[in-house]
Amino acid sequence: YNAVQYGLDTATGLIDYDEVERLAVEHKPKMIVAGFSAYSKTLDFPRFRAIADKVGALLFVDMAHVAGLVAAGLYPNPIPFADVVTTTTHKTLRGPRGGLILARANEEIEKKLNSAVFPGAQGGPLMHVIAAKAVCFKEALEPGFKDYQAQVIRNAKAMAEVFIGRGYDVVSGGTDNHLMLISLV
């Protein structure tokens, strides 16, 4: 593997999509990863798709941290743009610990995913966890779920404003989701 990282614009704290494109053209990756553990702004999935198409790469999105926001319609859905999307069923989705792999119809990818998951990483099914996931998905369809997710975003924005008001450097100047980073350097 030759993993090449793209970064943030140091002045804005935002992903520099021109840099992503430049690196993709230079390195011709087989896959571009768009996902995050601590990015507080909205990802431009159409732009990532265009970059991946330009260099013939697959687009892989990790939406684990924002899956609940996506389910509530409060964050862009990556599924129309990505070849593979992964997520957890806990975190903002509020379900039991577990995960999902969602992929476009592609026989080669399907074979690789199936053999990697079982028997590679997963054993037999746990019926109580499957039932808990069903409850989680049903709850995500309820109006109260969207209200909850909207409040999560409001709370995070308020917290970011307090940090900024107290002189802390919140990377990217705030948050569009529930995540934020504070620069301590």
N, C-alpha and C. Protein backbone atom coordinates (compact mmCIF):
# COMPACT_ATOMS: atom_id res chain seq x y z
N TYR A 1 0.83 -1.19 0.00
CA TYR A 1 0.00 0.00 0.00
C TYR A 1 0.87 1.24 0.00
N ASN A 2 0.39 2.26 -0.67
CA ASN A 2 1.04 3.56 -0.63
C ASN A 2 -0.04 4.58 -0.30
N ALA A 3 -0.27 4.78 0.98
CA ALA A 3 -1.31 5.72 1.41
C ALA A 3 -0.76 7.14 1.36
N VAL A 4 -1.46 8.00 0.66
CA VAL A 4 -1.08 9.41 0.55
C VAL A 4 -2.19 10.23 1.19
N GLN A 5 -1.84 11.04 2.16
CA GLN A 5 -2.84 11.81 2.90
C GLN A 5 -3.05 13.19 2.28
N TYR A 6 -4.29 13.60 2.21
CA TYR A 6 -4.61 14.99 1.90
C TYR A 6 -4.85 15.68 3.24
N GLY A 7 -4.80 16.98 3.25
CA GLY A 7 -4.91 17.67 4.52
C GLY A 7 -5.91 18.81 4.50
N LEU A 8 -5.79 19.62 5.52
CA LEU A 8 -6.64 20.79 5.65
C LEU A 8 -5.88 22.03 5.22
N ASP A 9 -6.60 22.99 4.71
CA ASP A 9 -6.02 24.30 4.45
C ASP A 9 -5.67 24.90 5.81
N THR A 10 -4.42 25.27 6.01
CA THR A 10 -3.99 25.74 7.32
C THR A 10 -4.66 27.04 7.73
N ALA A 11 -5.09 27.84 6.78
CA ALA A 11 -5.73 29.12 7.10
C ALA A 11 -7.20 28.94 7.50
N THR A 12 -7.89 27.98 6.87
CA THR A 12 -9.33 27.84 7.10
C THR A 12 -9.70 26.63 7.93
N GLY A 13 -8.82 25.63 7.98
CA GLY A 13 -9.16 24.39 8.66
C GLY A 13 -10.11 23.52 7.86
N LEU A 14 -10.28 23.83 6.58
CA LEU A 14 -11.18 23.07 5.71
C LEU A 14 -10.38 22.17 4.78
N ILE A 15 -11.01 21.09 4.32
CA ILE A 15 -10.36 20.23 3.34
C ILE A 15 -10.07 21.06 2.10
N ASP A 16 -8.86 20.92 1.61
CA ASP A 16 -8.44 21.62 0.39
C ASP A 16 -8.69 20.67 -0.78
N TYR A 17 -9.85 20.81 -1.42
CA TYR A 17 -10.23 19.89 -2.50
C TYR A 17 -9.32 20.01 -3.71
N ASP A 18 -8.74 21.17 -3.92
CA ASP A 18 -7.77 21.31 -5.01
C ASP A 18 -6.54 20.46 -4.73
N GLU A 19 -6.13 20.40 -3.45
CA GLU A 19 -5.00 19.54 -3.08
C GLU A 19 -5.37 18.07 -3.25
N VAL A 20 -6.59 17.71 -2.85
CA VAL A 20 -7.04 16.32 -3.03
C VAL A 20 -6.94 15.95 -4.50
N GLU A 21 -7.42 16.82 -5.37
CA GLU A 21 -7.38 16.54 -6.81
C GLU A 21 -5.94 16.47 -7.32
N ARG A 22 -5.11 17.41 -6.89
CA ARG A 22 -3.71 17.41 -7.33
C ARG A 22 -3.01 16.12 -6.91
N LEU A 23 -3.22 15.71 -5.67
CA LEU A 23 -2.59 14.47 -5.18
C LEU A 23 -3.14 13.25 -5.93
N ALA A 24 -4.43 13.25 -6.22
CA ALA A 24 -5.02 12.12 -6.94
C ALA A 24 -4.45 12.02 -8.35
N VAL A 25 -4.33 13.15 -9.02
CA VAL A 25 -3.75 13.15 -10.38
C VAL A 25 -2.30 12.70 -10.33
N GLU A 26 -1.57 13.14 -9.32
CA GLU A 26 -0.15 12.80 -9.20
C GLU A 26 0.06 11.33 -8.87
N HIS A 27 -0.74 10.78 -7.95
CA HIS A 27 -0.48 9.43 -7.43
C HIS A 27 -1.38 8.35 -8.03
N LYS A 28 -2.44 8.72 -8.73
CA LYS A 28 -3.35 7.75 -9.37
C LYS A 28 -3.77 6.63 -8.41
N PRO A 29 -4.45 6.96 -7.32
CA PRO A 29 -4.83 5.91 -6.36
C PRO A 29 -5.90 4.99 -6.92
N LYS A 30 -5.95 3.78 -6.36
CA LYS A 30 -7.03 2.86 -6.70
C LYS A 30 -8.30 3.24 -5.94
N MET A 31 -8.10 3.91 -4.79
CA MET A 31 -9.24 4.28 -3.95
C MET A 31 -8.96 5.61 -3.27
N ILE A 32 -9.99 6.43 -3.19
CA ILE A 32 -9.93 7.68 -2.42
C ILE A 32 -10.86 7.51 -1.23
N VAL A 33 -10.36 7.84 -0.06
CA VAL A 33 -11.13 7.72 1.17
C VAL A 33 -11.64 9.10 1.58
N ALA A 34 -12.93 9.20 1.73
CA ALA A 34 -13.56 10.43 2.21
C ALA A 34 -14.33 10.05 3.47
N GLY A 35 -13.83 10.44 4.57
CA GLY A 35 -14.46 10.10 5.84
C GLY A 35 -13.58 10.64 6.93
N PHE A 36 -14.05 10.60 8.13
CA PHE A 36 -13.31 11.32 9.16
C PHE A 36 -13.69 10.84 10.54
N SER A 37 -12.81 11.16 11.46
CA SER A 37 -13.10 10.96 12.87
C SER A 37 -13.26 12.29 13.58
N ALA A 38 -12.79 13.36 12.95
CA ALA A 38 -12.81 14.64 13.66
C ALA A 38 -12.92 15.83 12.72
N TYR A 39 -13.62 15.71 11.62
CA TYR A 39 -13.79 16.84 10.71
C TYR A 39 -15.14 17.47 11.00
N SER A 40 -15.15 18.73 11.31
CA SER A 40 -16.37 19.37 11.80
C SER A 40 -17.22 20.04 10.73
N LYS A 41 -16.82 19.97 9.50
CA LYS A 41 -17.58 20.61 8.43
C LYS A 41 -18.19 19.56 7.51
N THR A 42 -18.97 20.00 6.55
CA THR A 42 -19.67 19.11 5.63
C THR A 42 -18.75 18.70 4.49
N LEU A 43 -18.67 17.39 4.24
CA LEU A 43 -17.87 16.90 3.12
C LEU A 43 -18.61 17.14 1.81
N ASP A 44 -17.85 17.46 0.79
CA ASP A 44 -18.40 17.69 -0.55
C ASP A 44 -18.30 16.36 -1.32
N PHE A 45 -19.30 15.50 -1.13
CA PHE A 45 -19.27 14.19 -1.77
C PHE A 45 -19.28 14.26 -3.29
N PRO A 46 -20.04 15.17 -3.91
CA PRO A 46 -19.96 15.27 -5.37
C PRO A 46 -18.55 15.63 -5.85
N ARG A 47 -17.86 16.47 -5.12
CA ARG A 47 -16.49 16.84 -5.53
C ARG A 47 -15.56 15.64 -5.39
N PHE A 48 -15.67 14.90 -4.30
CA PHE A 48 -14.86 13.69 -4.15
C PHE A 48 -15.16 12.71 -5.28
N ARG A 49 -16.44 12.55 -5.66
CA ARG A 49 -16.81 11.64 -6.75
C ARG A 49 -16.16 12.08 -8.05
N ALA A 50 -16.20 13.38 -8.33
CA ALA A 50 -15.61 13.90 -9.57
C ALA A 50 -14.10 13.65 -9.59
N ILE A 51 -13.45 13.82 -8.46
CA ILE A 51 -12.00 13.57 -8.38
C ILE A 51 -11.72 12.09 -8.60
N ALA A 52 -12.49 11.23 -7.95
CA ALA A 52 -12.30 9.78 -8.12
C ALA A 52 -12.50 9.38 -9.57
N ASP A 53 -13.54 9.91 -10.20
CA ASP A 53 -13.80 9.60 -11.61
C ASP A 53 -12.67 10.08 -12.51
N LYS A 54 -12.12 11.24 -12.20
CA LYS A 54 -11.05 11.82 -13.02
C LYS A 54 -9.83 10.90 -13.09
N VAL A 55 -9.56 10.18 -11.98
CA VAL A 55 -8.36 9.33 -11.95
C VAL A 55 -8.71 7.84 -11.98
N GLY A 56 -9.98 7.50 -12.17
CA GLY A 56 -10.38 6.10 -12.24
C GLY A 56 -10.30 5.37 -10.91
N ALA A 57 -10.53 6.08 -9.82
CA ALA A 57 -10.44 5.48 -8.48
C ALA A 57 -11.83 5.16 -7.94
N LEU A 58 -11.87 4.21 -7.04
CA LEU A 58 -13.08 3.96 -6.27
C LEU A 58 -13.19 5.05 -5.21
N LEU A 59 -14.41 5.37 -4.80
CA LEU A 59 -14.62 6.31 -3.70
C LEU A 59 -15.19 5.55 -2.52
N PHE A 60 -14.46 5.60 -1.41
CA PHE A 60 -14.83 4.93 -0.17
C PHE A 60 -15.16 6.01 0.86
N VAL A 61 -16.34 5.93 1.47
CA VAL A 61 -16.74 6.91 2.48
C VAL A 61 -16.99 6.20 3.80
N ASP A 62 -16.37 6.72 4.85
CA ASP A 62 -16.64 6.29 6.22
C ASP A 62 -17.56 7.34 6.83
N MET A 63 -18.81 6.98 7.07
CA MET A 63 -19.75 7.95 7.65
C MET A 63 -20.15 7.57 9.08
N ALA A 64 -19.29 6.81 9.76
CA ALA A 64 -19.63 6.32 11.09
C ALA A 64 -20.05 7.43 12.04
N HIS A 65 -19.34 8.55 12.02
CA HIS A 65 -19.63 9.60 12.99
C HIS A 65 -20.88 10.40 12.65
N VAL A 66 -21.31 10.40 11.41
CA VAL A 66 -22.46 11.22 11.02
C VAL A 66 -23.65 10.40 10.53
N ALA A 67 -23.64 9.10 10.71
CA ALA A 67 -24.71 8.25 10.18
C ALA A 67 -26.09 8.65 10.69
N GLY A 68 -26.18 9.00 11.96
CA GLY A 68 -27.46 9.44 12.50
C GLY A 68 -27.92 10.74 11.88
N LEU A 69 -26.98 11.64 11.64
CA LEU A 69 -27.31 12.92 11.00
C LEU A 69 -27.76 12.68 9.56
N VAL A 70 -27.10 11.74 8.88
CA VAL A 70 -27.50 11.38 7.51
C VAL A 70 -28.90 10.77 7.53
N ALA A 71 -29.14 9.84 8.44
CA ALA A 71 -30.46 9.19 8.53
C ALA A 71 -31.56 10.20 8.79
N ALA A 72 -31.24 11.26 9.54
CA ALA A 72 -32.23 12.29 9.86
C ALA A 72 -32.36 13.34 8.75
N GLY A 73 -31.53 13.23 7.72
CA GLY A 73 -31.58 14.20 6.63
C GLY A 73 -30.91 15.52 6.96
N LEU A 74 -30.04 15.53 7.97
CA LEU A 74 -29.39 16.76 8.41
C LEU A 74 -27.94 16.87 7.96
N TYR A 75 -27.47 15.87 7.24
CA TYR A 75 -26.11 15.86 6.70
C TYR A 75 -26.20 15.16 5.34
N PRO A 76 -25.43 15.60 4.36
CA PRO A 76 -25.54 14.99 3.02
C PRO A 76 -25.31 13.48 3.03
N ASN A 77 -26.09 12.80 2.24
CA ASN A 77 -26.01 11.36 2.11
C ASN A 77 -24.91 11.01 1.11
N PRO A 78 -23.89 10.25 1.51
CA PRO A 78 -22.82 9.90 0.58
C PRO A 78 -23.16 8.75 -0.36
N ILE A 79 -24.22 8.02 -0.08
CA ILE A 79 -24.49 6.79 -0.82
C ILE A 79 -24.63 7.01 -2.33
N PRO A 80 -25.27 8.07 -2.81
CA PRO A 80 -25.34 8.25 -4.27
C PRO A 80 -24.00 8.50 -4.94
N PHE A 81 -22.98 8.84 -4.17
CA PHE A 81 -21.69 9.23 -4.74
C PHE A 81 -20.59 8.19 -4.55
N ALA A 82 -20.69 7.38 -3.53
CA ALA A 82 -19.60 6.48 -3.16
C ALA A 82 -19.78 5.08 -3.75
N ASP A 83 -18.65 4.42 -3.96
CA ASP A 83 -18.68 3.01 -4.36
C ASP A 83 -18.91 2.13 -3.14
N VAL A 84 -18.32 2.52 -2.02
CA VAL A 84 -18.46 1.78 -0.76
C VAL A 84 -18.65 2.80 0.36
N VAL A 85 -19.63 2.54 1.22
CA VAL A 85 -19.86 3.37 2.41
C VAL A 85 -19.86 2.44 3.61
N THR A 86 -19.12 2.82 4.64
CA THR A 86 -19.15 2.05 5.88
C THR A 86 -19.65 2.95 7.00
N THR A 87 -20.23 2.31 7.99
CA THR A 87 -20.69 3.05 9.17
C THR A 87 -20.80 2.10 10.35
N THR A 88 -20.86 2.68 11.50
CA THR A 88 -21.20 1.92 12.69
C THR A 88 -22.70 2.05 12.90
N THR A 89 -23.24 1.20 13.75
CA THR A 89 -24.65 1.32 14.10
C THR A 89 -24.83 1.99 15.45
N HIS A 90 -23.73 2.30 16.11
CA HIS A 90 -23.82 3.06 17.36
C HIS A 90 -23.45 4.50 17.04
N LYS A 91 -22.79 5.20 17.86
CA LYS A 91 -22.49 6.63 17.68
C LYS A 91 -23.79 7.39 17.45
N THR A 92 -23.88 8.25 16.45
CA THR A 92 -25.09 9.06 16.29
C THR A 92 -26.30 8.26 15.83
N LEU A 93 -26.11 7.06 15.34
CA LEU A 93 -27.26 6.24 14.94
C LEU A 93 -27.97 5.65 16.16
N ARG A 94 -27.29 5.62 17.30
CA ARG A 94 -27.85 5.24 18.60
C ARG A 94 -28.24 3.77 18.71
N GLY A 95 -27.60 2.92 17.97
CA GLY A 95 -27.92 1.51 18.04
C GLY A 95 -26.86 0.74 18.82
N PRO A 96 -26.91 -0.58 18.75
CA PRO A 96 -25.90 -1.40 19.41
C PRO A 96 -24.59 -1.35 18.62
N ARG A 97 -23.53 -1.77 19.26
CA ARG A 97 -22.24 -1.80 18.58
C ARG A 97 -22.33 -2.76 17.39
N GLY A 98 -21.89 -2.26 16.27
CA GLY A 98 -21.92 -3.06 15.05
C GLY A 98 -21.59 -2.18 13.87
N GLY A 99 -21.71 -2.72 12.69
CA GLY A 99 -21.36 -1.94 11.52
C GLY A 99 -22.14 -2.36 10.30
N LEU A 100 -22.05 -1.52 9.28
CA LEU A 100 -22.68 -1.78 7.99
C LEU A 100 -21.68 -1.47 6.89
N ILE A 101 -21.74 -2.25 5.83
CA ILE A 101 -21.00 -1.96 4.61
C ILE A 101 -22.04 -1.87 3.50
N LEU A 102 -22.11 -0.72 2.86
CA LEU A 102 -23.06 -0.48 1.77
C LEU A 102 -22.24 -0.25 0.52
N ALA A 103 -22.52 -1.01 -0.54
CA ALA A 103 -21.70 -0.91 -1.74
C ALA A 103 -22.55 -0.96 -3.00
N ARG A 104 -22.06 -0.26 -4.02
CA ARG A 104 -22.69 -0.34 -5.35
C ARG A 104 -22.54 -1.76 -5.88
N ALA A 105 -23.40 -2.13 -6.78
CA ALA A 105 -23.30 -3.44 -7.41
C ALA A 105 -21.99 -3.52 -8.19
N ASN A 106 -21.11 -4.38 -7.73
CA ASN A 106 -19.80 -4.58 -8.37
C ASN A 106 -19.31 -5.94 -7.91
N GLU A 107 -19.28 -6.88 -8.81
CA GLU A 107 -18.96 -8.27 -8.44
C GLU A 107 -17.59 -8.39 -7.79
N GLU A 108 -16.60 -7.67 -8.30
CA GLU A 108 -15.25 -7.75 -7.75
C GLU A 108 -15.21 -7.24 -6.31
N ILE A 109 -15.85 -6.09 -6.07
CA ILE A 109 -15.89 -5.54 -4.71
C ILE A 109 -16.68 -6.46 -3.80
N GLU A 110 -17.80 -6.98 -4.29
CA GLU A 110 -18.64 -7.86 -3.48
C GLU A 110 -17.85 -9.07 -2.99
N LYS A 111 -17.10 -9.71 -3.88
CA LYS A 111 -16.31 -10.88 -3.49
C LYS A 111 -15.29 -10.52 -2.42
N LYS A 112 -14.60 -9.40 -2.61
CA LYS A 112 -13.59 -8.98 -1.63
C LYS A 112 -14.21 -8.67 -0.28
N LEU A 113 -15.33 -7.95 -0.29
CA LEU A 113 -16.00 -7.62 0.97
C LEU A 113 -16.51 -8.87 1.66
N ASN A 114 -17.17 -9.74 0.91
CA ASN A 114 -17.72 -10.95 1.52
C ASN A 114 -16.64 -11.82 2.14
N SER A 115 -15.53 -12.00 1.47
CA SER A 115 -14.48 -12.86 2.03
C SER A 115 -13.76 -12.18 3.19
N ALA A 116 -13.69 -10.85 3.17
CA ALA A 116 -13.04 -10.14 4.28
C ALA A 116 -13.91 -10.18 5.54
N VAL A 117 -15.22 -10.08 5.35
CA VAL A 117 -16.11 -10.04 6.51
C VAL A 117 -16.31 -11.45 7.09
N PHE A 118 -16.67 -12.39 6.26
CA PHE A 118 -16.88 -13.75 6.74
C PHE A 118 -16.17 -14.73 5.83
N PRO A 119 -15.26 -15.49 6.33
CA PRO A 119 -14.98 -15.76 7.73
C PRO A 119 -13.91 -14.85 8.35
N GLY A 120 -13.41 -13.89 7.59
CA GLY A 120 -12.27 -13.10 8.05
C GLY A 120 -12.46 -12.34 9.34
N ALA A 121 -13.58 -11.62 9.49
CA ALA A 121 -13.72 -10.73 10.64
C ALA A 121 -14.95 -11.01 11.49
N GLN A 122 -15.88 -11.78 10.98
CA GLN A 122 -17.14 -11.97 11.69
C GLN A 122 -17.42 -13.45 11.86
N GLY A 123 -17.95 -13.78 13.01
CA GLY A 123 -18.38 -15.15 13.25
C GLY A 123 -19.87 -15.26 13.01
N GLY A 124 -20.51 -16.08 13.80
CA GLY A 124 -21.94 -16.27 13.65
C GLY A 124 -22.74 -15.05 14.08
N PRO A 125 -23.97 -14.96 13.61
CA PRO A 125 -24.81 -13.82 13.95
C PRO A 125 -25.26 -13.88 15.41
N LEU A 126 -25.38 -12.72 16.02
CA LEU A 126 -25.91 -12.60 17.37
C LEU A 126 -27.33 -12.06 17.24
N MET A 127 -28.30 -12.91 17.49
CA MET A 127 -29.69 -12.56 17.21
C MET A 127 -30.18 -11.37 18.03
N HIS A 128 -29.71 -11.24 19.27
CA HIS A 128 -30.15 -10.11 20.08
C HIS A 128 -29.59 -8.79 19.53
N VAL A 129 -28.42 -8.83 18.93
CA VAL A 129 -27.84 -7.62 18.33
C VAL A 129 -28.58 -7.28 17.04
N ILE A 130 -28.95 -8.29 16.27
CA ILE A 130 -29.74 -8.06 15.05
C ILE A 130 -31.08 -7.42 15.42
N ALA A 131 -31.71 -7.93 16.48
CA ALA A 131 -32.99 -7.35 16.93
C ALA A 131 -32.79 -5.90 17.38
N ALA A 132 -31.71 -5.64 18.10
CA ALA A 132 -31.44 -4.27 18.56
C ALA A 132 -31.19 -3.33 17.39
N LYS A 133 -30.54 -3.82 16.35
CA LYS A 133 -30.34 -2.99 15.15
C LYS A 133 -31.67 -2.68 14.48
N ALA A 134 -32.57 -3.65 14.44
CA ALA A 134 -33.89 -3.42 13.85
C ALA A 134 -34.63 -2.32 14.62
N VAL A 135 -34.53 -2.34 15.94
CA VAL A 135 -35.15 -1.29 16.76
C VAL A 135 -34.50 0.06 16.46
N CYS A 136 -33.18 0.07 16.36
CA CYS A 136 -32.44 1.30 16.04
C CYS A 136 -32.91 1.89 14.72
N PHE A 137 -33.03 1.06 13.70
CA PHE A 137 -33.44 1.55 12.38
C PHE A 137 -34.89 2.05 12.40
N LYS A 138 -35.74 1.36 13.15
CA LYS A 138 -37.13 1.82 13.27
C LYS A 138 -37.16 3.18 13.97
N GLU A 139 -36.40 3.34 15.04
CA GLU A 139 -36.37 4.62 15.76
C GLU A 139 -35.87 5.75 14.86
N ALA A 140 -34.93 5.42 13.96
CA ALA A 140 -34.40 6.45 13.06
C ALA A 140 -35.46 6.97 12.08
N LEU A 141 -36.54 6.23 11.91
CA LEU A 141 -37.63 6.66 11.03
C LEU A 141 -38.64 7.56 11.75
N GLU A 142 -38.55 7.64 13.06
CA GLU A 142 -39.51 8.42 13.85
C GLU A 142 -39.16 9.91 13.82
N PRO A 143 -40.17 10.79 13.86
CA PRO A 143 -39.90 12.24 13.86
C PRO A 143 -39.02 12.68 15.03
N GLY A 144 -39.15 12.04 16.17
CA GLY A 144 -38.34 12.39 17.33
C GLY A 144 -36.86 12.18 17.11
N PHE A 145 -36.51 11.25 16.23
CA PHE A 145 -35.09 11.00 15.93
C PHE A 145 -34.48 12.21 15.25
N LYS A 146 -35.20 12.79 14.29
CA LYS A 146 -34.70 13.98 13.60
C LYS A 146 -34.57 15.14 14.58
N ASP A 147 -35.55 15.28 15.47
CA ASP A 147 -35.49 16.34 16.49
C ASP A 147 -34.25 16.16 17.37
N TYR A 148 -34.00 14.93 17.78
CA TYR A 148 -32.83 14.62 18.61
C TYR A 148 -31.54 15.00 17.89
N GLN A 149 -31.42 14.58 16.64
CA GLN A 149 -30.20 14.86 15.88
C GLN A 149 -30.01 16.36 15.67
N ALA A 150 -31.11 17.08 15.42
CA ALA A 150 -31.02 18.53 15.26
C ALA A 150 -30.54 19.18 16.56
N GLN A 151 -30.99 18.65 17.70
CA GLN A 151 -30.54 19.19 18.98
C GLN A 151 -29.07 18.89 19.22
N VAL A 152 -28.61 17.73 18.80
CA VAL A 152 -27.19 17.39 18.91
C VAL A 152 -26.35 18.44 18.17
N ILE A 153 -26.77 18.80 16.97
CA ILE A 153 -26.04 19.80 16.19
C ILE A 153 -26.09 21.17 16.88
N ARG A 154 -27.28 21.55 17.36
CA ARG A 154 -27.39 22.85 18.06
C ARG A 154 -26.48 22.89 19.28
N ASN A 155 -26.45 21.79 20.04
CA ASN A 155 -25.59 21.73 21.22
C ASN A 155 -24.11 21.88 20.84
N ALA A 156 -23.69 21.19 19.79
CA ALA A 156 -22.28 21.26 19.37
C ALA A 156 -21.93 22.66 18.89
N LYS A 157 -22.83 23.29 18.14
CA LYS A 157 -22.59 24.66 17.68
C LYS A 157 -22.47 25.61 18.87
N ALA A 158 -23.33 25.45 19.86
CA ALA A 158 -23.28 26.30 21.05
C ALA A 158 -21.97 26.08 21.81
N MET A 159 -21.54 24.82 21.92
CA MET A 159 -20.29 24.53 22.60
C MET A 159 -19.11 25.15 21.86
N ALA A 160 -19.11 25.04 20.54
CA ALA A 160 -18.03 25.64 19.74
C ALA A 160 -18.00 27.15 19.94
N GLU A 161 -19.16 27.78 19.98
CA GLU A 161 -19.22 29.23 20.18
C GLU A 161 -18.66 29.62 21.54
N VAL A 162 -18.93 28.83 22.56
CA VAL A 162 -18.39 29.11 23.90
C VAL A 162 -16.87 29.01 23.87
N PHE A 163 -16.34 27.96 23.26
CA PHE A 163 -14.88 27.83 23.17
C PHE A 163 -14.27 29.01 22.43
N ILE A 164 -14.87 29.37 21.30
CA ILE A 164 -14.35 30.50 20.52
C ILE A 164 -14.43 31.78 21.36
N GLY A 165 -15.54 31.97 22.05
CA GLY A 165 -15.71 33.14 22.90
C GLY A 165 -14.71 33.23 24.03
N ARG A 166 -14.18 32.10 24.43
CA ARG A 166 -13.18 32.07 25.50
C ARG A 166 -11.75 32.07 24.96
N GLY A 167 -11.64 32.31 23.65
CA GLY A 167 -10.32 32.48 23.07
C GLY A 167 -9.67 31.22 22.53
N TYR A 168 -10.37 30.12 22.52
CA TYR A 168 -9.80 28.89 21.96
C TYR A 168 -9.90 28.92 20.44
N ASP A 169 -8.96 28.26 19.79
CA ASP A 169 -8.95 28.16 18.34
C ASP A 169 -9.68 26.88 17.94
N VAL A 170 -10.95 27.02 17.57
CA VAL A 170 -11.71 25.88 17.08
C VAL A 170 -11.38 25.72 15.60
N VAL A 171 -10.78 24.58 15.26
CA VAL A 171 -10.36 24.33 13.88
C VAL A 171 -11.58 24.45 12.96
N SER A 172 -11.44 25.16 11.91
CA SER A 172 -12.46 25.45 10.89
C SER A 172 -13.47 26.50 11.36
N GLY A 173 -13.28 27.04 12.54
CA GLY A 173 -14.12 28.13 13.00
C GLY A 173 -15.50 27.75 13.49
N GLY A 174 -15.76 26.48 13.68
CA GLY A 174 -17.07 26.05 14.17
C GLY A 174 -17.35 24.63 13.76
N THR A 175 -18.63 24.28 13.71
CA THR A 175 -19.01 22.92 13.35
C THR A 175 -20.31 22.91 12.56
N ASP A 176 -20.41 21.99 11.62
CA ASP A 176 -21.65 21.74 10.87
C ASP A 176 -22.32 20.46 11.37
N ASN A 177 -21.63 19.73 12.24
CA ASN A 177 -22.17 18.47 12.73
C ASN A 177 -22.02 18.44 14.25
N HIS A 178 -21.62 17.36 14.83
CA HIS A 178 -21.50 17.26 16.28
C HIS A 178 -20.03 17.19 16.72
N LEU A 179 -19.12 17.34 15.79
CA LEU A 179 -17.69 17.20 16.08
C LEU A 179 -17.00 18.55 16.06
N MET A 180 -15.91 18.65 16.82
CA MET A 180 -15.06 19.83 16.74
C MET A 180 -13.69 19.49 17.28
N LEU A 181 -12.72 20.22 16.78
CA LEU A 181 -11.35 20.10 17.26
C LEU A 181 -10.92 21.46 17.77
N ILE A 182 -10.16 21.44 18.86
CA ILE A 182 -9.58 22.66 19.38
C ILE A 182 -8.08 22.55 19.21
N SER A 183 -7.49 23.54 18.55
CA SER A 183 -6.04 23.55 18.36
C SER A 183 -5.40 24.07 19.63
N LEU A 184 -4.50 23.29 20.18
CA LEU A 184 -3.79 23.68 21.40
C LEU A 184 -2.34 24.04 21.12
N VAL A 185 -1.99 24.20 19.85
CA VAL A 185 -0.62 24.59 19.50
C VAL A 185 -0.55 26.06 19.14
